[in-house]
Amino acid sequence: MIIDSHVHMGSGLLNDGRRFSHPSLDSRSLIAMLDDSGIDRAIVFPPIWEGGEFHDPTYERANDEVAAAEREFPDRIIGYARVNPNFGAAAVQEFLRCLDEHGSHGIMLHPDWESFRVTNPRLMFPIMEILQERGLPVTFHSGYWPADPVGYLLLAERFPDVTIIMKHMGYQLAE
């Protein structure tokens, strides 16, 4: 079985379709892309919200789109929530909503695009505590400031039972 562990999907891609070579705006186009590539399943989460035609800075609409896609294709799509930790309690509430209403399988966080540090306990610990309580993973974009690999040591030591997936680990450090 081939699982793509990094797939963006949803109408947020309309805000900056130039960035992505094959934007999957909806579940059917995503499934077609997976089929064309010989991929069995995908871990799917929203793209960054950068403004545009609709307002969704805390990702409610985007998370709903991912959850709807997983309901439509439960054997193909593994839905992850996305939040911006800078929104504090609102981000935590959105993550809990995704878990309780949608059954999200984990969370994706992007320290660079959303301008936060993984070493900030005020922002990170509430999310990590939920992950620890529920036995779920977190996936991060990493490998560059403000997501240098050593910064994850604090989280790994404080939350040793949480699976931390570091995507793109070190690619900008090796250039």
C-alpha atoms as a PDB file:
ATOM      1  CA  MET A   1       0.000   0.000   0.000  1.00  0.00           C
ATOM      2  CA  ILE A   2       1.251   3.461  -0.897  1.00  0.00           C
ATOM      3  CA  ILE A   3       0.225   6.344   1.379  1.00  0.00           C
ATOM      4  CA  ASP A   4       0.995   9.954   0.515  1.00  0.00           C
ATOM      5  CA  SER A   5       1.581  11.616   3.889  1.00  0.00           C
ATOM      6  CA  HIS A   6       1.389  15.223   2.726  1.00  0.00           C
ATOM      7  CA  VAL A   7      -1.629  16.307   0.710  1.00  0.00           C
ATOM      8  CA  HIS A   8      -3.326  19.707   0.713  1.00  0.00           C
ATOM      9  CA  MET A   9      -6.954  19.831  -0.383  1.00  0.00           C
ATOM     10  CA  GLY A  10      -9.741  22.344  -0.323  1.00  0.00           C
ATOM     11  CA  SER A  11     -11.022  25.647  -1.567  1.00  0.00           C
ATOM     12  CA  GLY A  12      -8.176  27.472   0.192  1.00  0.00           C
ATOM     13  CA  LEU A  13      -6.076  26.531  -2.814  1.00  0.00           C
ATOM     14  CA  LEU A  14      -8.152  28.975  -4.853  1.00  0.00           C
ATOM     15  CA  ASN A  15      -6.545  31.815  -2.919  1.00  0.00           C
ATOM     16  CA  ASP A  16      -3.127  31.066  -4.417  1.00  0.00           C
ATOM     17  CA  GLY A  17      -3.446  28.389  -7.079  1.00  0.00           C
ATOM     18  CA  ARG A  18      -0.163  29.543  -8.612  1.00  0.00           C
ATOM     19  CA  ARG A  19       1.817  27.956  -5.787  1.00  0.00           C
ATOM     20  CA  PHE A  20       0.640  24.418  -6.482  1.00  0.00           C
ATOM     21  CA  SER A  21       1.205  22.611  -9.768  1.00  0.00           C
ATOM     22  CA  HIS A  22      -1.860  20.366  -9.370  1.00  0.00           C
ATOM     23  CA  PRO A  23      -4.281  21.935  -6.896  1.00  0.00           C
ATOM     24  CA  SER A  24      -6.857  19.490  -5.574  1.00  0.00           C
ATOM     25  CA  LEU A  25      -9.771  21.767  -4.894  1.00  0.00           C
ATOM     26  CA  ASP A  26     -12.245  19.016  -4.084  1.00  0.00           C
ATOM     27  CA  SER A  27     -12.348  15.373  -3.090  1.00  0.00           C
ATOM     28  CA  ARG A  28     -13.054  14.032  -6.565  1.00  0.00           C
ATOM     29  CA  SER A  29     -10.099  15.835  -8.131  1.00  0.00           C
ATOM     30  CA  LEU A  30      -7.910  14.586  -5.278  1.00  0.00           C
ATOM     31  CA  ILE A  31      -8.995  10.988  -5.784  1.00  0.00           C
ATOM     32  CA  ALA A  32      -8.351  11.322  -9.529  1.00  0.00           C
ATOM     33  CA  MET A  33      -4.824  12.600  -8.793  1.00  0.00           C
ATOM     34  CA  LEU A  34      -4.204   9.717  -6.379  1.00  0.00           C
ATOM     35  CA  ASP A  35      -5.452   7.220  -8.958  1.00  0.00           C
ATOM     36  CA  ASP A  36      -3.281   8.744 -11.692  1.00  0.00           C
ATOM     37  CA  SER A  37      -0.254   8.451  -9.401  1.00  0.00           C
ATOM     38  CA  GLY A  38      -0.935   4.921  -8.148  1.00  0.00           C
ATOM     39  CA  ILE A  39      -1.435   6.101  -4.557  1.00  0.00           C
ATOM     40  CA  ASP A  40      -3.806   4.113  -2.365  1.00  0.00           C
ATOM     41  CA  ARG A  41      -4.437   6.555   0.489  1.00  0.00           C
ATOM     42  CA  ALA A  42      -3.513  10.079   1.519  1.00  0.00           C
ATOM     43  CA  ILE A  43      -3.142  12.039   4.736  1.00  0.00           C
ATOM     44  CA  VAL A  44      -5.011  15.206   3.841  1.00  0.00           C
ATOM     45  CA  PHE A  45      -5.120  18.624   5.489  1.00  0.00           C
ATOM     46  CA  PRO A  46      -5.998  22.169   4.467  1.00  0.00           C
ATOM     47  CA  PRO A  47      -3.559  24.480   2.721  1.00  0.00           C
ATOM     48  CA  ILE A  48      -2.581  27.747   4.349  1.00  0.00           C
ATOM     49  CA  TRP A  49      -5.221  30.431   4.462  1.00  0.00           C
ATOM     50  CA  GLU A  50      -3.666  33.644   3.150  1.00  0.00           C
ATOM     51  CA  GLY A  51      -6.725  35.757   2.585  1.00  0.00           C
ATOM     52  CA  GLY A  52      -8.551  35.763  -0.692  1.00  0.00           C
ATOM     53  CA  GLU A  53     -12.137  35.233  -1.619  1.00  0.00           C
ATOM     54  CA  PHE A  54     -13.301  33.998   1.805  1.00  0.00           C
ATOM     55  CA  HIS A  55     -12.401  34.473   5.465  1.00  0.00           C
ATOM     56  CA  ASP A  56     -11.020  31.376   7.253  1.00  0.00           C
ATOM     57  CA  PRO A  57      -7.953  32.267   9.372  1.00  0.00           C
ATOM     58  CA  THR A  58      -8.780  29.643  12.019  1.00  0.00           C
ATOM     59  CA  TYR A  59      -9.464  26.936   9.394  1.00  0.00           C
ATOM     60  CA  GLU A  60     -13.050  26.008  10.322  1.00  0.00           C
ATOM     61  CA  ARG A  61     -14.251  25.970   6.708  1.00  0.00           C
ATOM     62  CA  ALA A  62     -11.097  24.225   5.491  1.00  0.00           C
ATOM     63  CA  ASN A  63     -11.264  21.553   8.199  1.00  0.00           C
ATOM     64  CA  ASP A  64     -14.920  20.920   7.335  1.00  0.00           C
ATOM     65  CA  GLU A  65     -13.944  20.403   3.681  1.00  0.00           C
ATOM     66  CA  VAL A  66     -11.300  17.824   4.599  1.00  0.00           C
ATOM     67  CA  ALA A  67     -13.748  16.018   6.897  1.00  0.00           C
ATOM     68  CA  ALA A  68     -16.402  15.936   4.168  1.00  0.00           C
ATOM     69  CA  ALA A  69     -13.859  14.487   1.735  1.00  0.00           C
ATOM     70  CA  GLU A  70     -12.960  11.753   4.214  1.00  0.00           C
ATOM     71  CA  ARG A  71     -16.639  10.909   4.723  1.00  0.00           C
ATOM     72  CA  GLU A  72     -17.028  10.637   0.950  1.00  0.00           C
ATOM     73  CA  PHE A  73     -13.886   8.505   0.486  1.00  0.00           C
ATOM     74  CA  PRO A  74     -13.198   6.870   3.876  1.00  0.00           C
ATOM     75  CA  ASP A  75     -10.969   4.166   2.389  1.00  0.00           C
ATOM     76  CA  ARG A  76      -8.767   6.705   0.600  1.00  0.00           C
ATOM     77  CA  ILE A  77      -8.570   9.896   2.675  1.00  0.00           C
ATOM     78  CA  ILE A  78      -7.138  10.190   6.189  1.00  0.00           C
ATOM     79  CA  GLY A  79      -8.218  13.600   7.451  1.00  0.00           C
ATOM     80  CA  TYR A  80      -5.990  15.735   9.658  1.00  0.00           C
ATOM     81  CA  ALA A  81      -7.042  19.008  11.241  1.00  0.00           C
ATOM     82  CA  ARG A  82      -5.136  22.244  10.788  1.00  0.00           C
ATOM     83  CA  VAL A  83      -5.096  25.185  13.155  1.00  0.00           C
ATOM     84  CA  ASN A  84      -3.030  28.296  13.691  1.00  0.00           C
ATOM     85  CA  PRO A  85      -1.667  28.086  17.271  1.00  0.00           C
ATOM     86  CA  ASN A  86      -1.389  31.888  17.397  1.00  0.00           C
ATOM     87  CA  PHE A  87      -5.149  31.967  17.944  1.00  0.00           C
ATOM     88  CA  GLY A  88      -4.633  30.345  21.361  1.00  0.00           C
ATOM     89  CA  ALA A  89      -7.867  29.081  22.885  1.00  0.00           C
ATOM     90  CA  ALA A  90      -9.702  29.422  19.552  1.00  0.00           C
ATOM     91  CA  ALA A  91      -7.135  27.124  17.918  1.00  0.00           C
ATOM     92  CA  VAL A  92      -7.514  24.582  20.715  1.00  0.00           C
ATOM     93  CA  GLN A  93     -11.317  24.734  20.409  1.00  0.00           C
ATOM     94  CA  GLU A  94     -11.126  24.237  16.646  1.00  0.00           C
ATOM     95  CA  PHE A  95      -8.851  21.238  17.088  1.00  0.00           C
ATOM     96  CA  LEU A  96     -11.223  19.718  19.673  1.00  0.00           C
ATOM     97  CA  ARG A  97     -14.149  20.350  17.319  1.00  0.00           C
ATOM     98  CA  CYS A  98     -12.315  18.528  14.534  1.00  0.00           C
ATOM     99  CA  LEU A  99     -11.636  15.589  16.811  1.00  0.00           C
ATOM    100  CA  ASP A 100     -15.114  15.369  18.313  1.00  0.00           C
ATOM    101  CA  GLU A 101     -17.235  16.221  15.265  1.00  0.00           C
ATOM    102  CA  HIS A 102     -15.084  14.901  12.442  1.00  0.00           C
ATOM    103  CA  GLY A 103     -12.916  12.224  14.017  1.00  0.00           C
ATOM    104  CA  SER A 104      -9.702  13.824  12.733  1.00  0.00           C
ATOM    105  CA  HIS A 105      -6.750  11.434  12.882  1.00  0.00           C
ATOM    106  CA  GLY A 106      -4.122  14.015  13.862  1.00  0.00           C
ATOM    107  CA  ILE A 107      -3.081  17.591  13.217  1.00  0.00           C
ATOM    108  CA  MET A 108      -0.786  19.407  10.810  1.00  0.00           C
ATOM    109  CA  LEU A 109       1.032  22.547  11.950  1.00  0.00           C
ATOM    110  CA  HIS A 110       3.219  24.914   9.965  1.00  0.00           C
ATOM    111  CA  PRO A 111       5.512  27.117  12.109  1.00  0.00           C
ATOM    112  CA  ASP A 112       6.871  29.065   9.143  1.00  0.00           C
ATOM    113  CA  TRP A 113       3.677  30.041   7.355  1.00  0.00           C
ATOM    114  CA  GLU A 114       1.802  30.724  10.582  1.00  0.00           C
ATOM    115  CA  SER A 115       4.721  32.434  12.331  1.00  0.00           C
ATOM    116  CA  PHE A 116       5.007  30.566  15.605  1.00  0.00           C
ATOM    117  CA  ARG A 117       7.791  28.739  17.358  1.00  0.00           C
ATOM    118  CA  VAL A 118       7.458  25.119  18.397  1.00  0.00           C
ATOM    119  CA  THR A 119       9.412  26.076  21.525  1.00  0.00           C
ATOM    120  CA  ASN A 120       6.582  28.367  22.704  1.00  0.00           C
ATOM    121  CA  PRO A 121       4.895  26.382  25.502  1.00  0.00           C
ATOM    122  CA  ARG A 122       1.928  28.776  25.693  1.00  0.00           C
ATOM    123  CA  LEU A 123       0.995  27.941  22.102  1.00  0.00           C
ATOM    124  CA  MET A 124       2.189  24.360  21.807  1.00  0.00           C
ATOM    125  CA  PHE A 125       1.521  22.642  25.124  1.00  0.00           C
ATOM    126  CA  PRO A 126      -2.313  22.824  24.987  1.00  0.00           C
ATOM    127  CA  ILE A 127      -2.321  21.169  21.548  1.00  0.00           C
ATOM    128  CA  MET A 128       0.295  18.611  22.553  1.00  0.00           C
ATOM    129  CA  GLU A 129      -1.678  17.739  25.701  1.00  0.00           C
ATOM    130  CA  ILE A 130      -4.726  16.919  23.585  1.00  0.00           C
ATOM    131  CA  LEU A 131      -2.620  14.779  21.264  1.00  0.00           C
ATOM    132  CA  GLN A 132      -1.135  12.955  24.233  1.00  0.00           C
ATOM    133  CA  GLU A 133      -4.541  12.334  25.841  1.00  0.00           C
ATOM    134  CA  ARG A 134      -6.004  11.004  22.603  1.00  0.00           C
ATOM    135  CA  GLY A 135      -2.958   9.102  21.343  1.00  0.00           C
ATOM    136  CA  LEU A 136      -2.751  11.052  18.079  1.00  0.00           C
ATOM    137  CA  PRO A 137       0.186  12.284  15.964  1.00  0.00           C
ATOM    138  CA  VAL A 138       1.240  15.762  14.952  1.00  0.00           C
ATOM    139  CA  THR A 139       2.948  16.519  11.670  1.00  0.00           C
ATOM    140  CA  PHE A 140       5.042  19.668  11.252  1.00  0.00           C
ATOM    141  CA  HIS A 141       6.720  21.391   8.379  1.00  0.00           C
ATOM    142  CA  SER A 142      10.290  21.581   9.639  1.00  0.00           C
ATOM    143  CA  GLY A 143      13.901  21.994   8.715  1.00  0.00           C
ATOM    144  CA  TYR A 144      14.192  25.771   8.656  1.00  0.00           C
ATOM    145  CA  TRP A 145      13.637  28.741  10.949  1.00  0.00           C
ATOM    146  CA  PRO A 146      11.369  29.002  12.909  1.00  0.00           C
ATOM    147  CA  ALA A 147      11.102  25.212  12.724  1.00  0.00           C
ATOM    148  CA  ASP A 148      14.737  24.166  13.125  1.00  0.00           C
ATOM    149  CA  PRO A 149      14.947  20.467  13.992  1.00  0.00           C
ATOM    150  CA  VAL A 150      16.520  21.039  17.429  1.00  0.00           C
ATOM    151  CA  GLY A 151      13.454  23.035  18.483  1.00  0.00           C
ATOM    152  CA  TYR A 152      11.384  19.873  18.564  1.00  0.00           C
ATOM    153  CA  LEU A 153      13.520  18.465  21.374  1.00  0.00           C
ATOM    154  CA  LEU A 154      11.479  20.385  23.969  1.00  0.00           C
ATOM    155  CA  LEU A 155       8.241  18.884  22.654  1.00  0.00           C
ATOM    156  CA  ALA A 156       9.684  15.389  22.379  1.00  0.00           C
ATOM    157  CA  GLU A 157      11.028  15.489  25.933  1.00  0.00           C
ATOM    158  CA  ARG A 158       7.861  16.986  27.433  1.00  0.00           C
ATOM    159  CA  PHE A 159       5.480  14.756  25.411  1.00  0.00           C
ATOM    160  CA  PRO A 160       7.372  11.491  24.785  1.00  0.00           C
ATOM    161  CA  ASP A 161       4.205   9.562  23.927  1.00  0.00           C
ATOM    162  CA  VAL A 162       3.151  11.893  21.087  1.00  0.00           C
ATOM    163  CA  THR A 163       4.327  10.879  17.645  1.00  0.00           C
ATOM    164  CA  ILE A 164       5.987  13.922  16.075  1.00  0.00           C
ATOM    165  CA  ILE A 165       6.377  13.758  12.306  1.00  0.00           C
ATOM    166  CA  MET A 166       8.825  16.301  10.902  1.00  0.00           C
ATOM    167  CA  LYS A 167       8.239  16.842   7.203  1.00  0.00           C
ATOM    168  CA  HIS A 168      10.984  18.223   4.978  1.00  0.00           C
ATOM    169  CA  MET A 169      13.405  17.728   7.852  1.00  0.00           C
ATOM    170  CA  GLY A 170      16.510  19.699   7.091  1.00  0.00           C
ATOM    171  CA  TYR A 171      16.031  20.234   3.382  1.00  0.00           C
ATOM    172  CA  GLN A 172      16.786  23.947   3.573  1.00  0.00           C
ATOM    173  CA  LEU A 173      19.690  23.276   5.919  1.00  0.00           C
ATOM    174  CA  ALA A 174      21.334  21.103   3.263  1.00  0.00           C
ATOM    175  CA  GLU A 175      21.146  23.609   0.410  1.00  0.00           C
END
